[in-house]
Amino acid sequence: MVLDSLQNARRYYSLHPLFTHAFRFLKETDLMKLSLGQQAIVGRDLFAIISEGSGIPEKDAKLEVHRKYIDIQYVISGTDHMGWKSLALCAEPSEPYTAEREAAFFPDKTSNWFDVPAGYFTIFFPDDAHAAMVTEETVRKVVLKIALEPAGGGESEAGV
């Protein structure tokens, strides 16, 4: 799990062949003007999900993990309150993994809570159980989904 500001994104480019494209998208796109919903960046290898709204109380938060995608969650406005726990320390999932959801959910609670203000991002890998949008504040954010094994080899379809 990583928590950092967008100005330090270059530190993470070498972690995955599509991270350069992902962070360039965050830096060069007017994220406030994007429509809510999904937007392809590099086909299904790298895409964005733009959302805006308030979240849920901490007591109702469920930890989730993904198998096929890494999440880069970038806060555009507001402050997202997030939780983290190592997947290795989680119990059996309360909602097992399905390919349709690309997620499994866990009944575990965590004591690792942190705030992610506007201009900051998190990176959650498949072994990072996480809970996001645990806030009553209105938050606008983009979740970049990066395929663990890109089919396109990391080349951009949009010239990014």
Foldseek 3Di string as FASTA:
>chain_A
DDKDFLVPQVVCCVVDLQSVVVSCCVVVDPLVPDDAAKDDWAHVQKIKGKDKAAAAALVPWWWKFADFWKKKKAWAADKKKKFKDFLVPFDPFPADDDPVVRMTTGPDHGPGIDIRHHRMIDIGHRRITMTIRNGNDIIIMMIMIHTPDDPVSNDTPVND
